[in-house]
């Protein structure tokens, strides 16, 4: 399997290392408009070919699939070019910066008949997968209520000394703030376990004064939202809240979901990459006893992507249609916030 890496930023190294662990996968090329960055990346990872654009790589053509790790605003045009060339694509989240583009990408992937996947990285958590399985099997009965959060604290730390963070604070550089950066994860995290589509959203966003002179750092205007809250209603009538922020002091990278049904409840956490689940089910409801649940390891998304291309029987990774579904929720939250937290029906 010959693979192309599109974009050579910090996340690209993570993707390269993940693919290198898979037998008979060769990373044959890298793409980046920054020639020096591309050359250094390719040398570090032993990649033989470098290209200044996706179009240049497609003209070369000696690859089967691509991992798109470009900044968010470039996912749409680069992925569409790859799909038009008939290449399988794993795209970083969010699939696009708006639902219309995400839907167009999903439709293009379906038309091309290629394997397509969104890198919702927290799907790797064994606890998340086990929780989704339990809910699907009816272990907690009918879902009634949930509360979920994704907490980070880096906006209280020395972020101004980390240039790689600046684009996340600037809408002009393609950021949709905490809502688009971490909200995309926690919406997928929550609704995947619940197994229900979102039918309505109410959102509230805020951007803080980050004490940068004039609200800028160089060319970066710091106007993207830093915290977001959402109230969601699901297709079965369940309601709940989702919150995400960059200012949760003491929390480096913590996701948590509490979901409650007519027969019990689950608590799922993913803290700095380590996942865990507790359950209160059946007779334990009488005493409010919560027990840790053993969660078997799962196949990582990169392996599932390659296995799907090879036609092997394995759980499929979340596809572009799922990416578009999550993006619709984020768009609705943003629209709601702009309208004074008005409820938006999907």
C-alpha atoms as a PDB file:
ATOM      1  CA  UNK A   1       0.000   0.000   0.000  1.00  0.00           C
ATOM      2  CA  UNK A   2       1.552   3.310  -1.137  1.00  0.00           C
ATOM      3  CA  UNK A   3       0.578   6.319   0.948  1.00  0.00           C
ATOM      4  CA  UNK A   4       0.852  10.090   0.463  1.00  0.00           C
ATOM      5  CA  UNK A   5       1.037  12.502   3.420  1.00  0.00           C
ATOM      6  CA  UNK A   6      -0.579  15.849   2.597  1.00  0.00           C
ATOM      7  CA  UNK A   7       0.662  18.551   4.968  1.00  0.00           C
ATOM      8  CA  UNK A   8       3.755  18.195   7.150  1.00  0.00           C
ATOM      9  CA  UNK A   9       2.839  19.992  10.371  1.00  0.00           C
ATOM     10  CA  UNK A  10       2.933  18.558  13.888  1.00  0.00           C
ATOM     11  CA  UNK A  11       0.046  16.106  13.387  1.00  0.00           C
ATOM     12  CA  UNK A  12       1.605  14.721  10.204  1.00  0.00           C
ATOM     13  CA  UNK A  13       4.393  13.089  12.216  1.00  0.00           C
ATOM     14  CA  UNK A  14       1.765  11.321  14.326  1.00  0.00           C
ATOM     15  CA  UNK A  15       0.112   9.946  11.188  1.00  0.00           C
ATOM     16  CA  UNK A  16       3.420   8.833   9.697  1.00  0.00           C
ATOM     17  CA  UNK A  17       4.364   6.897  12.812  1.00  0.00           C
ATOM     18  CA  UNK A  18       0.919   5.283  12.987  1.00  0.00           C
ATOM     19  CA  UNK A  19       1.062   4.110   9.371  1.00  0.00           C
ATOM     20  CA  UNK A  20       4.644   2.856   9.714  1.00  0.00           C
ATOM     21  CA  UNK A  21       3.427   0.326  12.287  1.00  0.00           C
ATOM     22  CA  UNK A  22       1.209  -1.344   9.682  1.00  0.00           C
ATOM     23  CA  UNK A  23       2.835  -4.140   7.644  1.00  0.00           C
ATOM     24  CA  UNK A  24       3.313  -3.517   3.926  1.00  0.00           C
ATOM     25  CA  UNK A  25       2.421   0.180   4.068  1.00  0.00           C
ATOM     26  CA  UNK A  26       4.982   2.506   2.479  1.00  0.00           C
ATOM     27  CA  UNK A  27       4.868   6.290   2.737  1.00  0.00           C
ATOM     28  CA  UNK A  28       6.018   7.309  -0.716  1.00  0.00           C
ATOM     29  CA  UNK A  29       5.514  11.069  -0.758  1.00  0.00           C
ATOM     30  CA  UNK A  30       4.894  14.241   1.200  1.00  0.00           C
ATOM     31  CA  UNK A  31       3.106  17.413   0.137  1.00  0.00           C
ATOM     32  CA  UNK A  32       3.656  20.936   1.462  1.00  0.00           C
ATOM     33  CA  UNK A  33       3.856  24.410  -0.067  1.00  0.00           C
ATOM     34  CA  UNK A  34       6.765  25.185   2.305  1.00  0.00           C
ATOM     35  CA  UNK A  35       9.791  23.729   0.558  1.00  0.00           C
ATOM     36  CA  UNK A  36      12.178  23.798   3.527  1.00  0.00           C
ATOM     37  CA  UNK A  37       9.586  22.323   5.903  1.00  0.00           C
ATOM     38  CA  UNK A  38       8.791  19.574   3.400  1.00  0.00           C
ATOM     39  CA  UNK A  39      12.457  18.705   2.828  1.00  0.00           C
ATOM     40  CA  UNK A  40      13.144  18.491   6.571  1.00  0.00           C
ATOM     41  CA  UNK A  41      10.030  16.370   7.174  1.00  0.00           C
ATOM     42  CA  UNK A  42      10.822  13.950   4.359  1.00  0.00           C
ATOM     43  CA  UNK A  43      14.417  13.562   5.490  1.00  0.00           C
ATOM     44  CA  UNK A  44      13.392  12.910   9.089  1.00  0.00           C
ATOM     45  CA  UNK A  45      10.848  10.252   8.135  1.00  0.00           C
ATOM     46  CA  UNK A  46      12.675   8.689   5.193  1.00  0.00           C
ATOM     47  CA  UNK A  47      10.148   9.779   2.547  1.00  0.00           C
ATOM     48  CA  UNK A  48      11.598   9.741  -0.968  1.00  0.00           C
ATOM     49  CA  UNK A  49       9.344  12.149  -2.869  1.00  0.00           C
ATOM     50  CA  UNK A  50       8.195  15.697  -2.170  1.00  0.00           C
ATOM     51  CA  UNK A  51       5.565  17.807  -3.920  1.00  0.00           C
ATOM     52  CA  UNK A  52       4.574  21.468  -3.670  1.00  0.00           C
ATOM     53  CA  UNK A  53       0.882  20.730  -4.282  1.00  0.00           C
ATOM     54  CA  UNK A  54      -1.657  17.929  -4.310  1.00  0.00           C
ATOM     55  CA  UNK A  55      -2.084  18.482  -8.045  1.00  0.00           C
ATOM     56  CA  UNK A  56       1.639  17.878  -8.589  1.00  0.00           C
ATOM     57  CA  UNK A  57       1.430  14.654  -6.570  1.00  0.00           C
ATOM     58  CA  UNK A  58      -1.641  13.507  -8.510  1.00  0.00           C
ATOM     59  CA  UNK A  59       0.154  14.099 -11.820  1.00  0.00           C
ATOM     60  CA  UNK A  60       2.938  11.840 -10.495  1.00  0.00           C
ATOM     61  CA  UNK A  61       0.259   9.419  -9.366  1.00  0.00           C
ATOM     62  CA  UNK A  62       2.345   6.673  -7.769  1.00  0.00           C
ATOM     63  CA  UNK A  63       0.245   6.314  -4.614  1.00  0.00           C
ATOM     64  CA  UNK A  64      -2.935   4.487  -3.619  1.00  0.00           C
ATOM     65  CA  UNK A  65      -4.214   6.529  -0.692  1.00  0.00           C
ATOM     66  CA  UNK A  66      -3.621   9.810   1.107  1.00  0.00           C
ATOM     67  CA  UNK A  67      -3.644  11.070   4.663  1.00  0.00           C
ATOM     68  CA  UNK A  68      -4.750  14.709   4.634  1.00  0.00           C
ATOM     69  CA  UNK A  69      -3.180  16.552   7.570  1.00  0.00           C
ATOM     70  CA  UNK A  70      -3.393  20.096   6.207  1.00  0.00           C
ATOM     71  CA  UNK A  71      -4.824  22.994   8.279  1.00  0.00           C
ATOM     72  CA  UNK A  72      -8.615  22.871   8.528  1.00  0.00           C
ATOM     73  CA  UNK A  73      -9.400  25.359   5.769  1.00  0.00           C
ATOM     74  CA  UNK A  74      -7.453  23.310   3.210  1.00  0.00           C
ATOM     75  CA  UNK A  75      -9.227  19.997   3.837  1.00  0.00           C
ATOM     76  CA  UNK A  76     -12.005  20.787   1.364  1.00  0.00           C
ATOM     77  CA  UNK A  77     -10.054  21.690  -1.805  1.00  0.00           C
ATOM     78  CA  UNK A  78      -7.227  19.181  -1.326  1.00  0.00           C
ATOM     79  CA  UNK A  79      -9.531  16.278  -0.504  1.00  0.00           C
ATOM     80  CA  UNK A  80     -11.814  16.961  -3.471  1.00  0.00           C
ATOM     81  CA  UNK A  81      -8.786  16.813  -5.779  1.00  0.00           C
ATOM     82  CA  UNK A  82      -7.713  13.494  -4.295  1.00  0.00           C
ATOM     83  CA  UNK A  83     -11.220  12.049  -4.603  1.00  0.00           C
ATOM     84  CA  UNK A  84     -11.467  13.180  -8.222  1.00  0.00           C
ATOM     85  CA  UNK A  85      -8.264  11.243  -8.856  1.00  0.00           C
ATOM     86  CA  UNK A  86      -9.816   8.113  -7.346  1.00  0.00           C
ATOM     87  CA  UNK A  87      -7.627   8.011  -4.245  1.00  0.00           C
ATOM     88  CA  UNK A  88      -8.681   6.672  -0.852  1.00  0.00           C
ATOM     89  CA  UNK A  89      -8.528   9.447   1.776  1.00  0.00           C
ATOM     90  CA  UNK A  90      -8.143   9.674   5.538  1.00  0.00           C
ATOM     91  CA  UNK A  91      -8.802  13.307   6.471  1.00  0.00           C
ATOM     92  CA  UNK A  92      -8.039  15.016   9.760  1.00  0.00           C
ATOM     93  CA  UNK A  93     -10.956  16.450  11.677  1.00  0.00           C
ATOM     94  CA  UNK A  94     -12.954  18.576  11.123  1.00  0.00           C
ATOM     95  CA  UNK A  95     -13.807  17.253   7.692  1.00  0.00           C
ATOM     96  CA  UNK A  96     -14.425  20.852   6.548  1.00  0.00           C
ATOM     97  CA  UNK A  97     -14.992  24.262   8.087  1.00  0.00           C
ATOM     98  CA  UNK A  98     -18.694  24.234   7.242  1.00  0.00           C
ATOM     99  CA  UNK A  99     -21.408  21.662   6.716  1.00  0.00           C
ATOM    100  CA  UNK A 100     -22.026  22.494   3.051  1.00  0.00           C
ATOM    101  CA  UNK A 101     -18.433  21.702   2.134  1.00  0.00           C
ATOM    102  CA  UNK A 102     -18.422  18.605   4.346  1.00  0.00           C
ATOM    103  CA  UNK A 103     -21.555  17.283   2.629  1.00  0.00           C
ATOM    104  CA  UNK A 104     -20.040  17.954  -0.786  1.00  0.00           C
ATOM    105  CA  UNK A 105     -16.956  15.977   0.248  1.00  0.00           C
ATOM    106  CA  UNK A 106     -19.088  13.087   1.501  1.00  0.00           C
ATOM    107  CA  UNK A 107     -21.052  12.999  -1.747  1.00  0.00           C
ATOM    108  CA  UNK A 108     -17.858  13.150  -3.827  1.00  0.00           C
ATOM    109  CA  UNK A 109     -16.367  10.257  -1.848  1.00  0.00           C
ATOM    110  CA  UNK A 110     -19.484   8.157  -2.345  1.00  0.00           C
ATOM    111  CA  UNK A 111     -19.485   8.914  -6.065  1.00  0.00           C
ATOM    112  CA  UNK A 112     -15.796   8.009  -6.351  1.00  0.00           C
ATOM    113  CA  UNK A 113     -16.405   4.709  -4.585  1.00  0.00           C
ATOM    114  CA  UNK A 114     -13.252   5.008  -2.491  1.00  0.00           C
ATOM    115  CA  UNK A 115     -12.588   4.360   1.189  1.00  0.00           C
ATOM    116  CA  UNK A 116     -12.986   7.607   3.105  1.00  0.00           C
ATOM    117  CA  UNK A 117     -12.453   8.279   6.794  1.00  0.00           C
ATOM    118  CA  UNK A 118     -12.296  11.173   9.248  1.00  0.00           C
ATOM    119  CA  UNK A 119      -9.634  11.033  11.936  1.00  0.00           C
ATOM    120  CA  UNK A 120     -11.824  11.356  15.029  1.00  0.00           C
ATOM    121  CA  UNK A 121      -8.857  10.362  17.153  1.00  0.00           C
ATOM    122  CA  UNK A 122     -10.810   9.697  20.369  1.00  0.00           C
ATOM    123  CA  UNK A 123     -12.582   6.795  18.683  1.00  0.00           C
ATOM    124  CA  UNK A 124      -9.347   4.988  19.601  1.00  0.00           C
ATOM    125  CA  UNK A 125     -10.507   4.811  23.214  1.00  0.00           C
ATOM    126  CA  UNK A 126     -11.480   1.296  24.296  1.00  0.00           C
ATOM    127  CA  UNK A 127     -13.893   2.756  26.856  1.00  0.00           C
ATOM    128  CA  UNK A 128     -15.706   4.806  24.207  1.00  0.00           C
ATOM    129  CA  UNK A 129     -16.160   1.761  21.992  1.00  0.00           C
ATOM    130  CA  UNK A 130     -17.376  -0.392  24.869  1.00  0.00           C
ATOM    131  CA  UNK A 131     -19.830   2.295  25.966  1.00  0.00           C
ATOM    132  CA  UNK A 132     -21.302   2.542  22.461  1.00  0.00           C
ATOM    133  CA  UNK A 133     -21.660  -1.233  22.404  1.00  0.00           C
ATOM    134  CA  UNK A 134     -23.455  -1.313  25.769  1.00  0.00           C
ATOM    135  CA  UNK A 135     -25.869   1.453  24.802  1.00  0.00           C
ATOM    136  CA  UNK A 136     -26.602  -0.258  21.479  1.00  0.00           C
ATOM    137  CA  UNK A 137     -27.332  -3.517  23.284  1.00  0.00           C
ATOM    138  CA  UNK A 138     -29.803  -1.776  25.606  1.00  0.00           C
ATOM    139  CA  UNK A 139     -27.698  -2.189  28.755  1.00  0.00           C
ATOM    140  CA  UNK A 140     -28.776   1.215  30.109  1.00  0.00           C
ATOM    141  CA  UNK A 141     -32.236   1.120  28.556  1.00  0.00           C
ATOM    142  CA  UNK A 142     -33.565   4.150  26.745  1.00  0.00           C
ATOM    143  CA  UNK A 143     -31.177   7.090  26.826  1.00  0.00           C
ATOM    144  CA  UNK A 144     -32.748  10.033  28.651  1.00  0.00           C
ATOM    145  CA  UNK A 145     -29.995  12.511  29.576  1.00  0.00           C
ATOM    146  CA  UNK A 146     -26.277  13.183  29.073  1.00  0.00           C
ATOM    147  CA  UNK A 147     -23.599  15.674  29.998  1.00  0.00           C
ATOM    148  CA  UNK A 148     -20.258  15.864  28.212  1.00  0.00           C
ATOM    149  CA  UNK A 149     -17.178  18.059  28.295  1.00  0.00           C
ATOM    150  CA  UNK A 150     -13.821  18.503  26.613  1.00  0.00           C
ATOM    151  CA  UNK A 151     -11.515  20.556  28.832  1.00  0.00           C
ATOM    152  CA  UNK A 152      -8.127  22.051  27.986  1.00  0.00           C
ATOM    153  CA  UNK A 153      -6.092  24.705  29.806  1.00  0.00           C
ATOM    154  CA  UNK A 154      -3.477  25.894  27.316  1.00  0.00           C
ATOM    155  CA  UNK A 155      -4.940  29.409  26.967  1.00  0.00           C
ATOM    156  CA  UNK A 156      -3.854  30.077  30.556  1.00  0.00           C
ATOM    157  CA  UNK A 157      -0.307  28.905  29.822  1.00  0.00           C
ATOM    158  CA  UNK A 158       2.533  30.327  27.697  1.00  0.00           C
ATOM    159  CA  UNK A 159       0.655  29.963  24.426  1.00  0.00           C
ATOM    160  CA  UNK A 160       2.189  33.120  22.920  1.00  0.00           C
ATOM    161  CA  UNK A 161       5.551  31.328  22.785  1.00  0.00           C
ATOM    162  CA  UNK A 162       3.998  28.497  20.721  1.00  0.00           C
ATOM    163  CA  UNK A 163       3.467  29.793  17.154  1.00  0.00           C
ATOM    164  CA  UNK A 164       1.742  26.543  16.185  1.00  0.00           C
ATOM    165  CA  UNK A 165      -1.190  27.542  18.451  1.00  0.00           C
ATOM    166  CA  UNK A 166      -1.872  30.939  16.906  1.00  0.00           C
ATOM    167  CA  UNK A 167      -3.967  29.772  13.965  1.00  0.00           C
ATOM    168  CA  UNK A 168      -6.378  28.139  16.417  1.00  0.00           C
ATOM    169  CA  UNK A 169      -7.222  31.617  17.735  1.00  0.00           C
ATOM    170  CA  UNK A 170      -7.813  33.334  14.396  1.00  0.00           C
ATOM    171  CA  UNK A 171     -10.862  32.974  12.158  1.00  0.00           C
ATOM    172  CA  UNK A 172      -8.952  34.546   9.269  1.00  0.00           C
ATOM    173  CA  UNK A 173      -6.582  31.589   9.442  1.00  0.00           C
ATOM    174  CA  UNK A 174      -9.398  29.051   9.235  1.00  0.00           C
ATOM    175  CA  UNK A 175     -10.138  28.442  12.912  1.00  0.00           C
ATOM    176  CA  UNK A 176     -13.647  28.044  14.243  1.00  0.00           C
ATOM    177  CA  UNK A 177     -12.288  28.271  17.759  1.00  0.00           C
ATOM    178  CA  UNK A 178     -12.852  25.817  20.546  1.00  0.00           C
ATOM    179  CA  UNK A 179     -16.167  24.860  18.929  1.00  0.00           C
ATOM    180  CA  UNK A 180     -14.480  23.652  15.748  1.00  0.00           C
ATOM    181  CA  UNK A 181     -11.236  22.385  17.234  1.00  0.00           C
ATOM    182  CA  UNK A 182     -12.340  20.410  20.298  1.00  0.00           C
ATOM    183  CA  UNK A 183     -16.119  20.674  19.971  1.00  0.00           C
ATOM    184  CA  UNK A 184     -15.944  18.452  16.898  1.00  0.00           C
ATOM    185  CA  UNK A 185     -14.421  15.693  19.037  1.00  0.00           C
ATOM    186  CA  UNK A 186     -16.829  15.862  21.953  1.00  0.00           C
ATOM    187  CA  UNK A 187     -19.904  16.014  19.680  1.00  0.00           C
ATOM    188  CA  UNK A 188     -18.714  12.854  17.917  1.00  0.00           C
ATOM    189  CA  UNK A 189     -17.744  11.282  21.263  1.00  0.00           C
ATOM    190  CA  UNK A 190     -21.196  11.899  22.740  1.00  0.00           C
ATOM    191  CA  UNK A 191     -23.506  11.122  19.849  1.00  0.00           C
ATOM    192  CA  UNK A 192     -21.534   8.022  18.847  1.00  0.00           C
ATOM    193  CA  UNK A 193     -22.131   6.502  22.275  1.00  0.00           C
ATOM    194  CA  UNK A 194     -25.762   7.651  22.396  1.00  0.00           C
ATOM    195  CA  UNK A 195     -26.390   6.180  18.942  1.00  0.00           C
ATOM    196  CA  UNK A 196     -28.807   8.979  18.170  1.00  0.00           C
ATOM    197  CA  UNK A 197     -28.900  11.844  15.690  1.00  0.00           C
ATOM    198  CA  UNK A 198     -29.117  15.425  16.955  1.00  0.00           C
ATOM    199  CA  UNK A 199     -32.441  17.108  16.152  1.00  0.00           C
ATOM    200  CA  UNK A 200     -31.960  20.554  17.726  1.00  0.00           C
ATOM    201  CA  UNK A 201     -29.151  22.695  19.121  1.00  0.00           C
ATOM    202  CA  UNK A 202     -28.824  25.810  21.264  1.00  0.00           C
ATOM    203  CA  UNK A 203     -25.338  27.278  21.536  1.00  0.00           C
ATOM    204  CA  UNK A 204     -23.392  29.952  23.396  1.00  0.00           C
ATOM    205  CA  UNK A 205     -19.844  31.024  22.441  1.00  0.00           C
ATOM    206  CA  UNK A 206     -17.407  33.419  24.060  1.00  0.00           C
ATOM    207  CA  UNK A 207     -14.015  34.881  23.179  1.00  0.00           C
ATOM    208  CA  UNK A 208     -11.810  36.216  25.971  1.00  0.00           C
ATOM    209  CA  UNK A 209      -9.421  39.152  26.091  1.00  0.00           C
ATOM    210  CA  UNK A 210      -6.141  37.278  25.819  1.00  0.00           C
ATOM    211  CA  UNK A 211      -4.085  40.358  26.733  1.00  0.00           C
ATOM    212  CA  UNK A 212      -2.318  40.571  23.386  1.00  0.00           C
ATOM    213  CA  UNK A 213      -1.759  44.213  22.289  1.00  0.00           C
ATOM    214  CA  UNK A 214      -4.581  45.169  19.953  1.00  0.00           C
ATOM    215  CA  UNK A 215      -5.945  41.635  20.121  1.00  0.00           C
ATOM    216  CA  UNK A 216      -3.278  40.477  17.656  1.00  0.00           C
ATOM    217  CA  UNK A 217      -0.046  38.515  17.541  1.00  0.00           C
ATOM    218  CA  UNK A 218       1.698  39.340  14.273  1.00  0.00           C
ATOM    219  CA  UNK A 219      -0.781  38.659  11.469  1.00  0.00           C
ATOM    220  CA  UNK A 220      -3.072  36.650  13.742  1.00  0.00           C
ATOM    221  CA  UNK A 221      -6.214  38.457  14.940  1.00  0.00           C
ATOM    222  CA  UNK A 222      -7.328  36.585  18.068  1.00  0.00           C
ATOM    223  CA  UNK A 223     -11.065  36.510  17.427  1.00  0.00           C
ATOM    224  CA  UNK A 224     -12.000  32.810  17.492  1.00  0.00           C
ATOM    225  CA  UNK A 225     -14.196  31.528  20.337  1.00  0.00           C
ATOM    226  CA  UNK A 226     -12.390  30.135  23.389  1.00  0.00           C
ATOM    227  CA  UNK A 227     -15.343  28.420  25.109  1.00  0.00           C
ATOM    228  CA  UNK A 228     -18.554  26.894  23.801  1.00  0.00           C
ATOM    229  CA  UNK A 229     -21.609  25.393  25.424  1.00  0.00           C
ATOM    230  CA  UNK A 230     -24.385  23.508  23.666  1.00  0.00           C
ATOM    231  CA  UNK A 231     -27.764  22.129  24.649  1.00  0.00           C
ATOM    232  CA  UNK A 232     -28.772  19.254  22.397  1.00  0.00           C
ATOM    233  CA  UNK A 233     -31.913  17.233  21.814  1.00  0.00           C
ATOM    234  CA  UNK A 234     -31.596  13.778  20.261  1.00  0.00           C
ATOM    235  CA  UNK A 235     -33.923  11.905  17.934  1.00  0.00           C
ATOM    236  CA  UNK A 236     -35.391   9.797  20.758  1.00  0.00           C
ATOM    237  CA  UNK A 237     -36.174  12.897  22.866  1.00  0.00           C
ATOM    238  CA  UNK A 238     -33.130  12.696  25.163  1.00  0.00           C
ATOM    239  CA  UNK A 239     -31.546  16.030  26.068  1.00  0.00           C
ATOM    240  CA  UNK A 240     -28.154  17.014  27.402  1.00  0.00           C
ATOM    241  CA  UNK A 241     -25.289  19.457  27.452  1.00  0.00           C
ATOM    242  CA  UNK A 242     -21.896  19.612  25.782  1.00  0.00           C
ATOM    243  CA  UNK A 243     -19.181  22.043  26.856  1.00  0.00           C
ATOM    244  CA  UNK A 244     -15.707  22.682  25.506  1.00  0.00           C
ATOM    245  CA  UNK A 245     -13.073  25.208  26.518  1.00  0.00           C
ATOM    246  CA  UNK A 246      -9.396  26.134  26.424  1.00  0.00           C
ATOM    247  CA  UNK A 247      -9.405  27.768  29.858  1.00  0.00           C
ATOM    248  CA  UNK A 248     -10.143  24.869  32.243  1.00  0.00           C
ATOM    249  CA  UNK A 249      -7.265  25.321  34.676  1.00  0.00           C
ATOM    250  CA  UNK A 250      -5.772  22.005  35.752  1.00  0.00           C
ATOM    251  CA  UNK A 251      -7.050  20.064  32.742  1.00  0.00           C
ATOM    252  CA  UNK A 252      -4.502  19.358  30.026  1.00  0.00           C
ATOM    253  CA  UNK A 253      -6.656  17.308  27.675  1.00  0.00           C
ATOM    254  CA  UNK A 254      -9.704  15.718  29.289  1.00  0.00           C
ATOM    255  CA  UNK A 255     -12.884  14.358  27.716  1.00  0.00           C
ATOM    256  CA  UNK A 256     -15.775  13.074  29.791  1.00  0.00           C
ATOM    257  CA  UNK A 257     -19.252  11.764  29.050  1.00  0.00           C
ATOM    258  CA  UNK A 258     -21.960  10.830  31.533  1.00  0.00           C
ATOM    259  CA  UNK A 259     -24.965   9.218  29.907  1.00  0.00           C
ATOM    260  CA  UNK A 260     -28.076   8.005  31.694  1.00  0.00           C
ATOM    261  CA  UNK A 261     -30.882   5.690  30.642  1.00  0.00           C
ATOM    262  CA  UNK A 262     -33.925   3.976  32.102  1.00  0.00           C
ATOM    263  CA  UNK A 263     -31.855   0.969  33.248  1.00  0.00           C
ATOM    264  CA  UNK A 264     -28.590   2.563  34.299  1.00  0.00           C
ATOM    265  CA  UNK A 265     -25.798   4.970  33.506  1.00  0.00           C
ATOM    266  CA  UNK A 266     -22.252   5.085  32.137  1.00  0.00           C
ATOM    267  CA  UNK A 267     -19.327   7.417  32.792  1.00  0.00           C
ATOM    268  CA  UNK A 268     -16.662   7.497  30.088  1.00  0.00           C
ATOM    269  CA  UNK A 269     -13.422   9.447  30.374  1.00  0.00           C
ATOM    270  CA  UNK A 270     -10.378   9.972  28.188  1.00  0.00           C
ATOM    271  CA  UNK A 271      -7.621  11.814  30.040  1.00  0.00           C
ATOM    272  CA  UNK A 272      -4.401  12.496  28.156  1.00  0.00           C
ATOM    273  CA  UNK A 273      -4.995   9.428  25.995  1.00  0.00           C
ATOM    274  CA  UNK A 274      -5.971   6.992  28.778  1.00  0.00           C
ATOM    275  CA  UNK A 275      -9.614   5.898  28.685  1.00  0.00           C
ATOM    276  CA  UNK A 276     -11.812   4.399  31.402  1.00  0.00           C
ATOM    277  CA  UNK A 277     -15.462   3.571  31.952  1.00  0.00           C
ATOM    278  CA  UNK A 278     -17.613   3.088  35.026  1.00  0.00           C
ATOM    279  CA  UNK A 279     -21.156   1.754  35.020  1.00  0.00           C
ATOM    280  CA  UNK A 280     -24.149   1.716  37.334  1.00  0.00           C
ATOM    281  CA  UNK A 281     -26.506  -0.857  35.816  1.00  0.00           C
ATOM    282  CA  UNK A 282     -29.294  -3.125  36.995  1.00  0.00           C
ATOM    283  CA  UNK A 283     -29.325  -3.883  40.721  1.00  0.00           C
ATOM    284  CA  UNK A 284     -26.533  -1.350  41.325  1.00  0.00           C
ATOM    285  CA  UNK A 285     -29.065   1.400  40.587  1.00  0.00           C
ATOM    286  CA  UNK A 286     -30.680   0.695  43.963  1.00  0.00           C
ATOM    287  CA  UNK A 287     -27.463   1.524  45.836  1.00  0.00           C
ATOM    288  CA  UNK A 288     -25.948   3.974  43.342  1.00  0.00           C
ATOM    289  CA  UNK A 289     -22.923   1.682  43.091  1.00  0.00           C
ATOM    290  CA  UNK A 290     -20.533   2.466  40.244  1.00  0.00           C
ATOM    291  CA  UNK A 291     -18.118  -0.189  38.983  1.00  0.00           C
ATOM    292  CA  UNK A 292     -15.133   0.022  36.638  1.00  0.00           C
ATOM    293  CA  UNK A 293     -15.783  -1.916  33.427  1.00  0.00           C
ATOM    294  CA  UNK A 294     -13.066  -3.829  31.612  1.00  0.00           C
ATOM    295  CA  UNK A 295     -12.711  -2.520  28.065  1.00  0.00           C
ATOM    296  CA  UNK A 296     -10.785  -4.655  25.533  1.00  0.00           C
ATOM    297  CA  UNK A 297      -8.310  -2.894  23.255  1.00  0.00           C
ATOM    298  CA  UNK A 298      -9.536  -1.975  19.768  1.00  0.00           C
ATOM    299  CA  UNK A 299      -7.977  -1.677  16.314  1.00  0.00           C
ATOM    300  CA  UNK A 300      -6.611   1.877  15.726  1.00  0.00           C
ATOM    301  CA  UNK A 301      -8.245   3.990  13.032  1.00  0.00           C
ATOM    302  CA  UNK A 302      -5.175   3.998  10.760  1.00  0.00           C
ATOM    303  CA  UNK A 303      -5.199   0.201  10.716  1.00  0.00           C
ATOM    304  CA  UNK A 304      -8.947   0.142  10.053  1.00  0.00           C
ATOM    305  CA  UNK A 305      -8.488   2.580   7.152  1.00  0.00           C
ATOM    306  CA  UNK A 306      -5.858   0.383   5.506  1.00  0.00           C
ATOM    307  CA  UNK A 307      -7.838  -2.792   6.227  1.00  0.00           C
ATOM    308  CA  UNK A 308     -10.910  -1.284   4.549  1.00  0.00           C
ATOM    309  CA  UNK A 309      -8.880  -0.477   1.437  1.00  0.00           C
ATOM    310  CA  UNK A 310      -7.610  -4.060   1.376  1.00  0.00           C
ATOM    311  CA  UNK A 311     -11.158  -5.362   1.693  1.00  0.00           C
ATOM    312  CA  UNK A 312     -10.518  -7.028   5.030  1.00  0.00           C
ATOM    313  CA  UNK A 313     -13.385  -7.607   7.442  1.00  0.00           C
ATOM    314  CA  UNK A 314     -12.887  -5.118  10.264  1.00  0.00           C
ATOM    315  CA  UNK A 315     -14.969  -2.370  11.899  1.00  0.00           C
ATOM    316  CA  UNK A 316     -14.993   0.560   9.492  1.00  0.00           C
ATOM    317  CA  UNK A 317     -13.596   3.940  10.577  1.00  0.00           C
ATOM    318  CA  UNK A 318     -15.954   6.956  10.781  1.00  0.00           C
ATOM    319  CA  UNK A 319     -16.529   8.094   7.199  1.00  0.00           C
ATOM    320  CA  UNK A 320     -17.085  11.441   5.500  1.00  0.00           C
ATOM    321  CA  UNK A 321     -20.861  11.161   5.934  1.00  0.00           C
ATOM    322  CA  UNK A 322     -20.258  11.020   9.691  1.00  0.00           C
ATOM    323  CA  UNK A 323     -17.925  14.008   9.434  1.00  0.00           C
ATOM    324  CA  UNK A 324     -20.646  15.977   7.662  1.00  0.00           C
ATOM    325  CA  UNK A 325     -23.226  14.962  10.283  1.00  0.00           C
ATOM    326  CA  UNK A 326     -21.031  16.289  13.106  1.00  0.00           C
ATOM    327  CA  UNK A 327     -20.288  19.465  11.153  1.00  0.00           C
ATOM    328  CA  UNK A 328     -24.021  20.188  10.858  1.00  0.00           C
ATOM    329  CA  UNK A 329     -24.237  20.227  14.653  1.00  0.00           C
ATOM    330  CA  UNK A 330     -21.311  22.651  14.931  1.00  0.00           C
ATOM    331  CA  UNK A 331     -22.792  24.939  12.274  1.00  0.00           C
ATOM    332  CA  UNK A 332     -26.118  24.934  14.122  1.00  0.00           C
ATOM    333  CA  UNK A 333     -24.403  25.818  17.416  1.00  0.00           C
ATOM    334  CA  UNK A 334     -22.625  28.725  15.762  1.00  0.00           C
ATOM    335  CA  UNK A 335     -25.844  29.926  14.127  1.00  0.00           C
ATOM    336  CA  UNK A 336     -27.675  29.644  17.439  1.00  0.00           C
ATOM    337  CA  UNK A 337     -25.016  31.683  19.258  1.00  0.00           C
ATOM    338  CA  UNK A 338     -25.242  34.408  16.626  1.00  0.00           C
ATOM    339  CA  UNK A 339     -29.018  34.533  17.190  1.00  0.00           C
ATOM    340  CA  UNK A 340     -28.866  34.858  20.981  1.00  0.00           C
ATOM    341  CA  UNK A 341     -28.862  31.094  21.687  1.00  0.00           C
ATOM    342  CA  UNK A 342     -32.028  30.511  19.681  1.00  0.00           C
ATOM    343  CA  UNK A 343     -32.875  26.821  19.235  1.00  0.00           C
ATOM    344  CA  UNK A 344     -31.868  25.617  15.758  1.00  0.00           C
ATOM    345  CA  UNK A 345     -33.676  22.579  14.364  1.00  0.00           C
ATOM    346  CA  UNK A 346     -31.667  20.201  12.214  1.00  0.00           C
END
